[in-house]
Amino acid sequence: MRGALRRGDKVLTSGGIVGKVTKVKDDGEIEIEIAQNVKIHVVKGAITQVMSKTEPAEG
């Protein structure tokens, strides 16, 4: 689940924060937008649920 995270996915963190993934980094960290222009960085291990997935881009 965590390995398949991509930009645009709506996720829930272990702390109860819901947001949209805006950036996935190689070092196990992701950036989540929790409100307009409010972004936080969390480790992938803090993601407990993917609430909705985005479709992969074509091509």
C-alpha atoms as a PDB file:
ATOM      1  CA  MET A   1       0.000   0.000   0.000  1.00  0.00           C
ATOM      2  CA  ARG A   2       2.655   2.528   1.038  1.00  0.00           C
ATOM      3  CA  GLY A   3       4.952   1.563  -1.814  1.00  0.00           C
ATOM      4  CA  ALA A   4       2.233   2.381  -4.335  1.00  0.00           C
ATOM      5  CA  LEU A   5       1.556   5.909  -3.074  1.00  0.00           C
ATOM      6  CA  ARG A   6       1.475   8.566  -5.763  1.00  0.00           C
ATOM      7  CA  ARG A   7       0.661  12.217  -6.132  1.00  0.00           C
ATOM      8  CA  GLY A   8      -3.057  12.931  -5.794  1.00  0.00           C
ATOM      9  CA  ASP A   9      -3.876  10.024  -3.455  1.00  0.00           C
ATOM     10  CA  LYS A  10      -6.039  10.944  -0.457  1.00  0.00           C
ATOM     11  CA  VAL A  11      -4.515   9.424   2.691  1.00  0.00           C
ATOM     12  CA  LEU A  12      -5.067   9.106   6.434  1.00  0.00           C
ATOM     13  CA  THR A  13      -2.110   9.326   8.836  1.00  0.00           C
ATOM     14  CA  SER A  14      -1.746   7.519  12.148  1.00  0.00           C
ATOM     15  CA  GLY A  15      -2.340  10.878  13.848  1.00  0.00           C
ATOM     16  CA  GLY A  16      -5.749  11.248  12.211  1.00  0.00           C
ATOM     17  CA  ILE A  17      -4.728  13.794   9.591  1.00  0.00           C
ATOM     18  CA  VAL A  18      -6.398  13.487   6.177  1.00  0.00           C
ATOM     19  CA  GLY A  19      -4.758  15.046   3.143  1.00  0.00           C
ATOM     20  CA  LYS A  20      -3.708  14.732  -0.465  1.00  0.00           C
ATOM     21  CA  VAL A  21      -0.240  13.508  -1.435  1.00  0.00           C
ATOM     22  CA  THR A  22       1.606  16.251  -3.331  1.00  0.00           C
ATOM     23  CA  LYS A  23       5.106  14.744  -3.442  1.00  0.00           C
ATOM     24  CA  VAL A  24       6.644  11.315  -2.861  1.00  0.00           C
ATOM     25  CA  LYS A  25      10.358  11.327  -2.027  1.00  0.00           C
ATOM     26  CA  ASP A  26      12.755   8.401  -2.369  1.00  0.00           C
ATOM     27  CA  ASP A  27      13.917   8.603   1.243  1.00  0.00           C
ATOM     28  CA  GLY A  28      10.602   7.342   2.653  1.00  0.00           C
ATOM     29  CA  GLU A  29       9.074  10.753   3.181  1.00  0.00           C
ATOM     30  CA  ILE A  30       5.963  12.191   1.571  1.00  0.00           C
ATOM     31  CA  GLU A  31       4.469  15.654   1.418  1.00  0.00           C
ATOM     32  CA  ILE A  32       0.743  15.973   2.164  1.00  0.00           C
ATOM     33  CA  GLU A  33      -1.462  18.998   1.582  1.00  0.00           C
ATOM     34  CA  ILE A  34      -3.916  19.225   4.481  1.00  0.00           C
ATOM     35  CA  ALA A  35      -5.477  22.574   3.532  1.00  0.00           C
ATOM     36  CA  GLN A  36      -5.059  25.013   0.683  1.00  0.00           C
ATOM     37  CA  ASN A  37      -1.360  25.971   0.627  1.00  0.00           C
ATOM     38  CA  VAL A  38      -0.680  24.073   3.900  1.00  0.00           C
ATOM     39  CA  LYS A  39       1.705  21.143   3.403  1.00  0.00           C
ATOM     40  CA  ILE A  40       3.315  18.793   5.900  1.00  0.00           C
ATOM     41  CA  HIS A  41       6.033  16.166   5.565  1.00  0.00           C
ATOM     42  CA  VAL A  42       5.482  12.706   7.054  1.00  0.00           C
ATOM     43  CA  VAL A  43       7.262   9.376   6.815  1.00  0.00           C
ATOM     44  CA  LYS A  44       5.509   6.700   4.761  1.00  0.00           C
ATOM     45  CA  GLY A  45       5.140   4.560   7.889  1.00  0.00           C
ATOM     46  CA  ALA A  46       2.691   7.117   9.291  1.00  0.00           C
ATOM     47  CA  ILE A  47       0.174   6.389   6.518  1.00  0.00           C
ATOM     48  CA  THR A  48      -2.481   4.022   7.846  1.00  0.00           C
ATOM     49  CA  GLN A  49      -4.998   4.121   4.995  1.00  0.00           C
ATOM     50  CA  VAL A  50      -5.271   5.217   1.387  1.00  0.00           C
ATOM     51  CA  MET A  51      -8.776   6.627   1.162  1.00  0.00           C
ATOM     52  CA  SER A  52      -8.832   7.168  -2.607  1.00  0.00           C
ATOM     53  CA  LYS A  53      -6.380   6.427  -5.396  1.00  0.00           C
ATOM     54  CA  THR A  54      -5.671   8.463  -8.486  1.00  0.00           C
ATOM     55  CA  GLU A  55      -5.531   6.845 -11.891  1.00  0.00           C
ATOM     56  CA  PRO A  56      -2.060   6.466 -13.418  1.00  0.00           C
ATOM     57  CA  ALA A  57      -1.193   8.987 -16.095  1.00  0.00           C
ATOM     58  CA  GLU A  58      -1.314   7.715 -19.662  1.00  0.00           C
ATOM     59  CA  GLY A  59       1.868   7.408 -21.667  1.00  0.00           C
END
